[in-house]
Amino acid sequence: MNRAVIQNRFLRVEAEERGAQLLSIRTADGVEFLWQGDPAYWPDRAPNLFPYVARLTEGSYYLDGLLYHMDIHGFAPYLDFALKEQTPTRLVFELTSSKRTLAAYPRVICSP
């Protein structure tokens, strides 16, 4: 999995493409501010949860009379985002719609 890093004299931030997940937020002297995962409880750190947080009743919902299924926390935590921009102070990840996303969430959200 590709990892991206930005840092300055105060912080180092690391993220990965899967879920556009933050992996680490660490101070210059090594103090970690982000949960580092524990398989006994929850192995992830800080993925993007979209289009909802938690579980759907029976893993499903209805929209316009049609039944759709999604895993816990939607689909974004389980998909690879594209790293669209990386500068010394900024990371921009992008997730575009696909057959998989549209099968679970048929609404396309457009940014202005």
N, C-alpha and C. Protein backbone atom coordinates (compact mmCIF):
# COMPACT_ATOMS: atom_id res chain seq x y z
N MET A 1 0.85 -1.18 0.00
CA MET A 1 0.00 0.00 0.00
C MET A 1 0.89 1.24 0.00
N ASN A 2 0.60 2.16 -0.89
CA ASN A 2 1.37 3.39 -0.94
C ASN A 2 1.05 4.30 0.23
N ARG A 3 2.09 4.90 0.78
CA ARG A 3 1.94 5.83 1.88
C ARG A 3 2.43 7.19 1.45
N ALA A 4 1.77 8.20 1.96
CA ALA A 4 2.16 9.58 1.67
C ALA A 4 2.50 10.26 2.98
N VAL A 5 3.51 11.12 2.96
CA VAL A 5 3.96 11.80 4.17
C VAL A 5 4.09 13.28 3.89
N ILE A 6 3.62 14.07 4.84
CA ILE A 6 3.91 15.50 4.86
C ILE A 6 4.44 15.82 6.25
N GLN A 7 5.29 16.82 6.31
CA GLN A 7 5.81 17.18 7.62
C GLN A 7 6.36 18.59 7.60
N ASN A 8 6.43 19.14 8.78
CA ASN A 8 7.09 20.42 9.00
C ASN A 8 7.92 20.26 10.27
N ARG A 9 8.37 21.35 10.84
CA ARG A 9 9.24 21.21 12.02
C ARG A 9 8.48 20.78 13.27
N PHE A 10 7.14 20.79 13.22
CA PHE A 10 6.33 20.44 14.38
C PHE A 10 5.72 19.04 14.29
N LEU A 11 5.23 18.67 13.11
CA LEU A 11 4.48 17.43 12.94
C LEU A 11 4.90 16.67 11.70
N ARG A 12 4.70 15.35 11.78
CA ARG A 12 4.82 14.46 10.62
C ARG A 12 3.49 13.72 10.51
N VAL A 13 2.86 13.78 9.35
CA VAL A 13 1.57 13.15 9.12
C VAL A 13 1.75 12.13 8.00
N GLU A 14 1.25 10.92 8.25
CA GLU A 14 1.36 9.84 7.28
C GLU A 14 -0.04 9.32 6.97
N ALA A 15 -0.30 9.05 5.68
CA ALA A 15 -1.61 8.54 5.26
C ALA A 15 -1.39 7.47 4.19
N GLU A 16 -2.43 6.65 3.97
CA GLU A 16 -2.38 5.64 2.92
C GLU A 16 -3.58 5.76 2.02
N GLU A 17 -3.50 5.13 0.86
CA GLU A 17 -4.57 5.21 -0.12
C GLU A 17 -5.84 4.48 0.32
N ARG A 18 -5.70 3.34 1.01
CA ARG A 18 -6.89 2.59 1.44
C ARG A 18 -7.67 3.44 2.44
N GLY A 19 -8.86 3.81 2.05
CA GLY A 19 -9.72 4.62 2.91
C GLY A 19 -9.23 6.04 3.11
N ALA A 20 -8.19 6.44 2.34
CA ALA A 20 -7.54 7.75 2.55
C ALA A 20 -7.27 7.91 4.05
N GLN A 21 -6.76 6.85 4.62
CA GLN A 21 -6.64 6.72 6.07
C GLN A 21 -5.38 7.39 6.62
N LEU A 22 -5.60 8.22 7.64
CA LEU A 22 -4.45 8.73 8.39
C LEU A 22 -3.84 7.58 9.17
N LEU A 23 -2.53 7.45 9.12
CA LEU A 23 -1.83 6.38 9.82
C LEU A 23 -1.07 6.88 11.04
N SER A 24 -0.63 8.13 10.96
CA SER A 24 0.18 8.65 12.05
C SER A 24 0.13 10.17 12.05
N ILE A 25 0.06 10.73 13.24
CA ILE A 25 0.25 12.16 13.47
C ILE A 25 1.22 12.24 14.63
N ARG A 26 2.46 12.58 14.32
CA ARG A 26 3.53 12.49 15.31
C ARG A 26 4.26 13.84 15.42
N THR A 27 4.57 14.20 16.65
CA THR A 27 5.32 15.43 16.88
C THR A 27 6.80 15.22 16.52
N ALA A 28 7.52 16.31 16.41
CA ALA A 28 8.94 16.24 16.08
C ALA A 28 9.73 15.43 17.11
N ASP A 29 9.27 15.43 18.35
CA ASP A 29 9.96 14.65 19.39
C ASP A 29 9.40 13.23 19.56
N GLY A 30 8.53 12.80 18.62
CA GLY A 30 8.09 11.42 18.59
C GLY A 30 6.80 11.08 19.30
N VAL A 31 6.07 12.04 19.81
CA VAL A 31 4.80 11.76 20.48
C VAL A 31 3.73 11.49 19.42
N GLU A 32 3.12 10.31 19.49
CA GLU A 32 2.07 9.90 18.54
C GLU A 32 0.71 10.33 19.08
N PHE A 33 -0.09 10.97 18.22
CA PHE A 33 -1.42 11.43 18.62
C PHE A 33 -2.54 10.53 18.10
N LEU A 34 -2.24 9.60 17.23
CA LEU A 34 -3.27 8.79 16.59
C LEU A 34 -3.20 7.35 17.08
N TRP A 35 -4.36 6.77 17.32
CA TRP A 35 -4.47 5.35 17.64
C TRP A 35 -3.67 4.56 16.61
N GLN A 36 -2.87 3.60 17.04
CA GLN A 36 -2.02 2.85 16.13
C GLN A 36 -2.55 1.46 15.79
N GLY A 37 -3.79 1.21 16.10
CA GLY A 37 -4.41 -0.05 15.72
C GLY A 37 -4.00 -1.20 16.61
N ASP A 38 -4.95 -2.07 16.85
CA ASP A 38 -4.71 -3.28 17.62
C ASP A 38 -5.69 -4.33 17.10
N PRO A 39 -5.20 -5.37 16.43
CA PRO A 39 -6.09 -6.38 15.86
C PRO A 39 -7.08 -6.99 16.86
N ALA A 40 -6.75 -6.97 18.14
CA ALA A 40 -7.65 -7.52 19.15
C ALA A 40 -8.91 -6.66 19.30
N TYR A 41 -8.82 -5.39 18.92
CA TYR A 41 -9.95 -4.49 19.08
C TYR A 41 -10.40 -3.88 17.75
N TRP A 42 -9.47 -3.18 17.10
CA TRP A 42 -9.75 -2.55 15.81
C TRP A 42 -8.42 -2.24 15.15
N PRO A 43 -8.11 -2.85 14.02
CA PRO A 43 -6.78 -2.73 13.44
C PRO A 43 -6.53 -1.41 12.69
N ASP A 44 -7.58 -0.72 12.31
CA ASP A 44 -7.40 0.51 11.54
C ASP A 44 -7.03 1.68 12.44
N ARG A 45 -6.80 2.81 11.81
CA ARG A 45 -6.43 4.00 12.56
C ARG A 45 -7.47 5.09 12.40
N ALA A 46 -7.57 5.66 11.21
CA ALA A 46 -8.51 6.77 11.00
C ALA A 46 -8.98 6.82 9.55
N PRO A 47 -9.68 5.76 9.07
CA PRO A 47 -10.16 5.80 7.70
C PRO A 47 -11.35 6.75 7.56
N ASN A 48 -11.60 7.17 6.34
CA ASN A 48 -12.79 7.96 6.06
C ASN A 48 -13.99 7.03 6.05
N LEU A 49 -15.00 7.39 6.80
CA LEU A 49 -16.23 6.59 6.90
C LEU A 49 -17.28 7.29 6.05
N PHE A 50 -17.64 6.66 4.94
CA PHE A 50 -18.60 7.26 4.01
C PHE A 50 -19.36 6.16 3.31
N PRO A 51 -20.63 6.30 3.12
CA PRO A 51 -21.47 7.47 3.34
C PRO A 51 -22.15 7.51 4.70
N TYR A 52 -21.76 6.65 5.62
CA TYR A 52 -22.35 6.71 6.97
C TYR A 52 -21.39 6.09 7.97
N VAL A 53 -21.67 6.33 9.23
CA VAL A 53 -20.89 5.76 10.33
C VAL A 53 -21.76 4.73 11.04
N ALA A 54 -21.19 3.59 11.37
CA ALA A 54 -21.86 2.52 12.13
C ALA A 54 -22.43 1.47 11.18
N ARG A 55 -23.50 0.81 11.62
CA ARG A 55 -24.09 -0.29 10.85
C ARG A 55 -25.50 0.08 10.40
N LEU A 56 -25.86 -0.42 9.25
CA LEU A 56 -27.25 -0.32 8.80
C LEU A 56 -28.01 -1.51 9.37
N THR A 57 -29.28 -1.34 9.62
CA THR A 57 -30.11 -2.45 10.07
C THR A 57 -30.09 -3.53 9.00
N GLU A 58 -29.65 -4.71 9.39
CA GLU A 58 -29.50 -5.85 8.49
C GLU A 58 -28.60 -5.54 7.29
N GLY A 59 -27.72 -4.53 7.42
CA GLY A 59 -26.77 -4.21 6.37
C GLY A 59 -27.38 -3.66 5.11
N SER A 60 -28.60 -3.12 5.21
CA SER A 60 -29.33 -2.68 4.02
C SER A 60 -30.11 -1.42 4.28
N TYR A 61 -30.47 -0.76 3.18
CA TYR A 61 -31.37 0.40 3.25
C TYR A 61 -32.15 0.48 1.95
N TYR A 62 -33.25 1.21 1.99
CA TYR A 62 -34.08 1.43 0.81
C TYR A 62 -33.92 2.86 0.33
N LEU A 63 -33.82 3.02 -0.98
CA LEU A 63 -33.81 4.34 -1.61
C LEU A 63 -34.68 4.26 -2.85
N ASP A 64 -35.66 5.12 -2.90
CA ASP A 64 -36.60 5.14 -4.04
C ASP A 64 -37.20 3.75 -4.28
N GLY A 65 -37.48 3.03 -3.19
CA GLY A 65 -38.12 1.73 -3.29
C GLY A 65 -37.20 0.58 -3.63
N LEU A 66 -35.92 0.82 -3.81
CA LEU A 66 -34.97 -0.23 -4.13
C LEU A 66 -34.09 -0.52 -2.92
N LEU A 67 -33.72 -1.80 -2.75
CA LEU A 67 -32.91 -2.25 -1.62
C LEU A 67 -31.43 -2.21 -2.00
N TYR A 68 -30.61 -1.60 -1.12
CA TYR A 68 -29.16 -1.52 -1.31
C TYR A 68 -28.48 -2.08 -0.06
N HIS A 69 -27.28 -2.65 -0.27
CA HIS A 69 -26.52 -3.25 0.83
C HIS A 69 -25.18 -2.53 0.98
N MET A 70 -24.75 -2.38 2.23
CA MET A 70 -23.42 -1.83 2.52
C MET A 70 -22.88 -2.42 3.80
N ASP A 71 -21.55 -2.56 3.83
CA ASP A 71 -20.87 -3.03 5.03
C ASP A 71 -20.85 -1.93 6.09
N ILE A 72 -20.37 -2.27 7.25
CA ILE A 72 -20.24 -1.30 8.33
C ILE A 72 -19.41 -0.11 7.85
N HIS A 73 -19.84 1.09 8.16
CA HIS A 73 -19.18 2.35 7.83
C HIS A 73 -19.17 2.67 6.34
N GLY A 74 -20.03 2.03 5.56
CA GLY A 74 -20.10 2.34 4.14
C GLY A 74 -19.02 1.64 3.34
N PHE A 75 -18.65 2.24 2.22
CA PHE A 75 -17.67 1.59 1.35
C PHE A 75 -16.31 2.28 1.34
N ALA A 76 -16.24 3.55 1.68
CA ALA A 76 -14.98 4.30 1.56
C ALA A 76 -13.82 3.70 2.35
N PRO A 77 -14.02 3.17 3.56
CA PRO A 77 -12.86 2.65 4.29
C PRO A 77 -12.17 1.47 3.62
N TYR A 78 -12.86 0.81 2.70
CA TYR A 78 -12.36 -0.42 2.09
C TYR A 78 -11.85 -0.24 0.67
N LEU A 79 -11.90 1.00 0.17
CA LEU A 79 -11.49 1.26 -1.21
C LEU A 79 -10.21 2.09 -1.24
N ASP A 80 -9.48 1.96 -2.35
CA ASP A 80 -8.27 2.75 -2.53
C ASP A 80 -8.63 4.08 -3.17
N PHE A 81 -8.22 5.14 -2.51
CA PHE A 81 -8.37 6.50 -3.04
C PHE A 81 -7.13 6.80 -3.89
N ALA A 82 -7.26 7.71 -4.81
CA ALA A 82 -6.11 8.16 -5.60
C ALA A 82 -5.50 9.38 -4.91
N LEU A 83 -4.20 9.39 -4.77
CA LEU A 83 -3.51 10.56 -4.24
C LEU A 83 -3.40 11.55 -5.39
N LYS A 84 -4.20 12.60 -5.35
CA LYS A 84 -4.27 13.57 -6.44
C LYS A 84 -3.28 14.72 -6.28
N GLU A 85 -2.93 15.03 -5.05
CA GLU A 85 -2.01 16.15 -4.82
C GLU A 85 -1.21 15.89 -3.55
N GLN A 86 0.07 16.17 -3.64
CA GLN A 86 0.92 16.10 -2.47
C GLN A 86 1.91 17.25 -2.54
N THR A 87 1.84 18.11 -1.54
CA THR A 87 2.78 19.21 -1.39
C THR A 87 3.38 19.07 0.00
N PRO A 88 4.32 19.91 0.36
CA PRO A 88 4.88 19.81 1.71
C PRO A 88 3.85 20.03 2.83
N THR A 89 2.71 20.64 2.52
CA THR A 89 1.72 20.94 3.56
C THR A 89 0.34 20.37 3.28
N ARG A 90 0.18 19.58 2.23
CA ARG A 90 -1.17 19.17 1.85
C ARG A 90 -1.16 17.83 1.13
N LEU A 91 -2.14 16.99 1.51
CA LEU A 91 -2.43 15.74 0.80
C LEU A 91 -3.88 15.79 0.35
N VAL A 92 -4.13 15.47 -0.91
CA VAL A 92 -5.50 15.43 -1.42
C VAL A 92 -5.73 14.05 -2.02
N PHE A 93 -6.70 13.33 -1.45
CA PHE A 93 -7.08 12.02 -1.95
C PHE A 93 -8.43 12.14 -2.64
N GLU A 94 -8.66 11.29 -3.65
CA GLU A 94 -9.92 11.33 -4.39
C GLU A 94 -10.45 9.91 -4.57
N LEU A 95 -11.75 9.78 -4.38
CA LEU A 95 -12.44 8.52 -4.67
C LEU A 95 -13.51 8.82 -5.70
N THR A 96 -13.45 8.14 -6.82
CA THR A 96 -14.45 8.35 -7.86
C THR A 96 -15.44 7.19 -7.85
N SER A 97 -16.61 7.45 -8.38
CA SER A 97 -17.63 6.41 -8.41
C SER A 97 -17.20 5.28 -9.34
N SER A 98 -17.70 4.10 -9.03
CA SER A 98 -17.39 2.90 -9.80
C SER A 98 -18.63 2.00 -9.75
N LYS A 99 -18.56 0.87 -10.43
CA LYS A 99 -19.67 -0.08 -10.35
C LYS A 99 -19.92 -0.48 -8.90
N ARG A 100 -18.84 -0.67 -8.16
CA ARG A 100 -18.98 -1.09 -6.76
C ARG A 100 -19.65 -0.01 -5.91
N THR A 101 -19.21 1.23 -6.04
CA THR A 101 -19.81 2.30 -5.23
C THR A 101 -21.25 2.56 -5.64
N LEU A 102 -21.51 2.57 -6.93
CA LEU A 102 -22.87 2.85 -7.40
C LEU A 102 -23.84 1.72 -7.06
N ALA A 103 -23.34 0.49 -6.94
CA ALA A 103 -24.21 -0.62 -6.54
C ALA A 103 -24.66 -0.47 -5.10
N ALA A 104 -23.85 0.19 -4.28
CA ALA A 104 -24.19 0.38 -2.87
C ALA A 104 -24.79 1.75 -2.59
N TYR A 105 -24.45 2.72 -3.41
CA TYR A 105 -24.83 4.11 -3.15
C TYR A 105 -25.02 4.79 -4.50
N PRO A 106 -26.23 4.73 -5.06
CA PRO A 106 -26.44 5.16 -6.44
C PRO A 106 -26.45 6.66 -6.67
N ARG A 107 -26.31 7.45 -5.63
CA ARG A 107 -26.27 8.90 -5.79
C ARG A 107 -24.83 9.35 -6.00
N VAL A 108 -24.60 10.15 -6.99
CA VAL A 108 -23.29 10.71 -7.22
C VAL A 108 -23.27 12.12 -6.62
N ILE A 109 -22.29 12.37 -5.79
CA ILE A 109 -22.15 13.69 -5.16
C ILE A 109 -21.11 14.46 -5.95
N CYS A 110 -21.50 15.61 -6.40
CA CYS A 110 -20.59 16.46 -7.17
C CYS A 110 -20.15 17.64 -6.33
N SER A 111 -18.88 17.96 -6.43
CA SER A 111 -18.40 19.15 -5.72
C SER A 111 -18.52 20.34 -6.67
N PRO A 112 -18.67 21.54 -6.09
CA PRO A 112 -18.86 22.73 -6.93
C PRO A 112 -17.66 23.05 -7.78
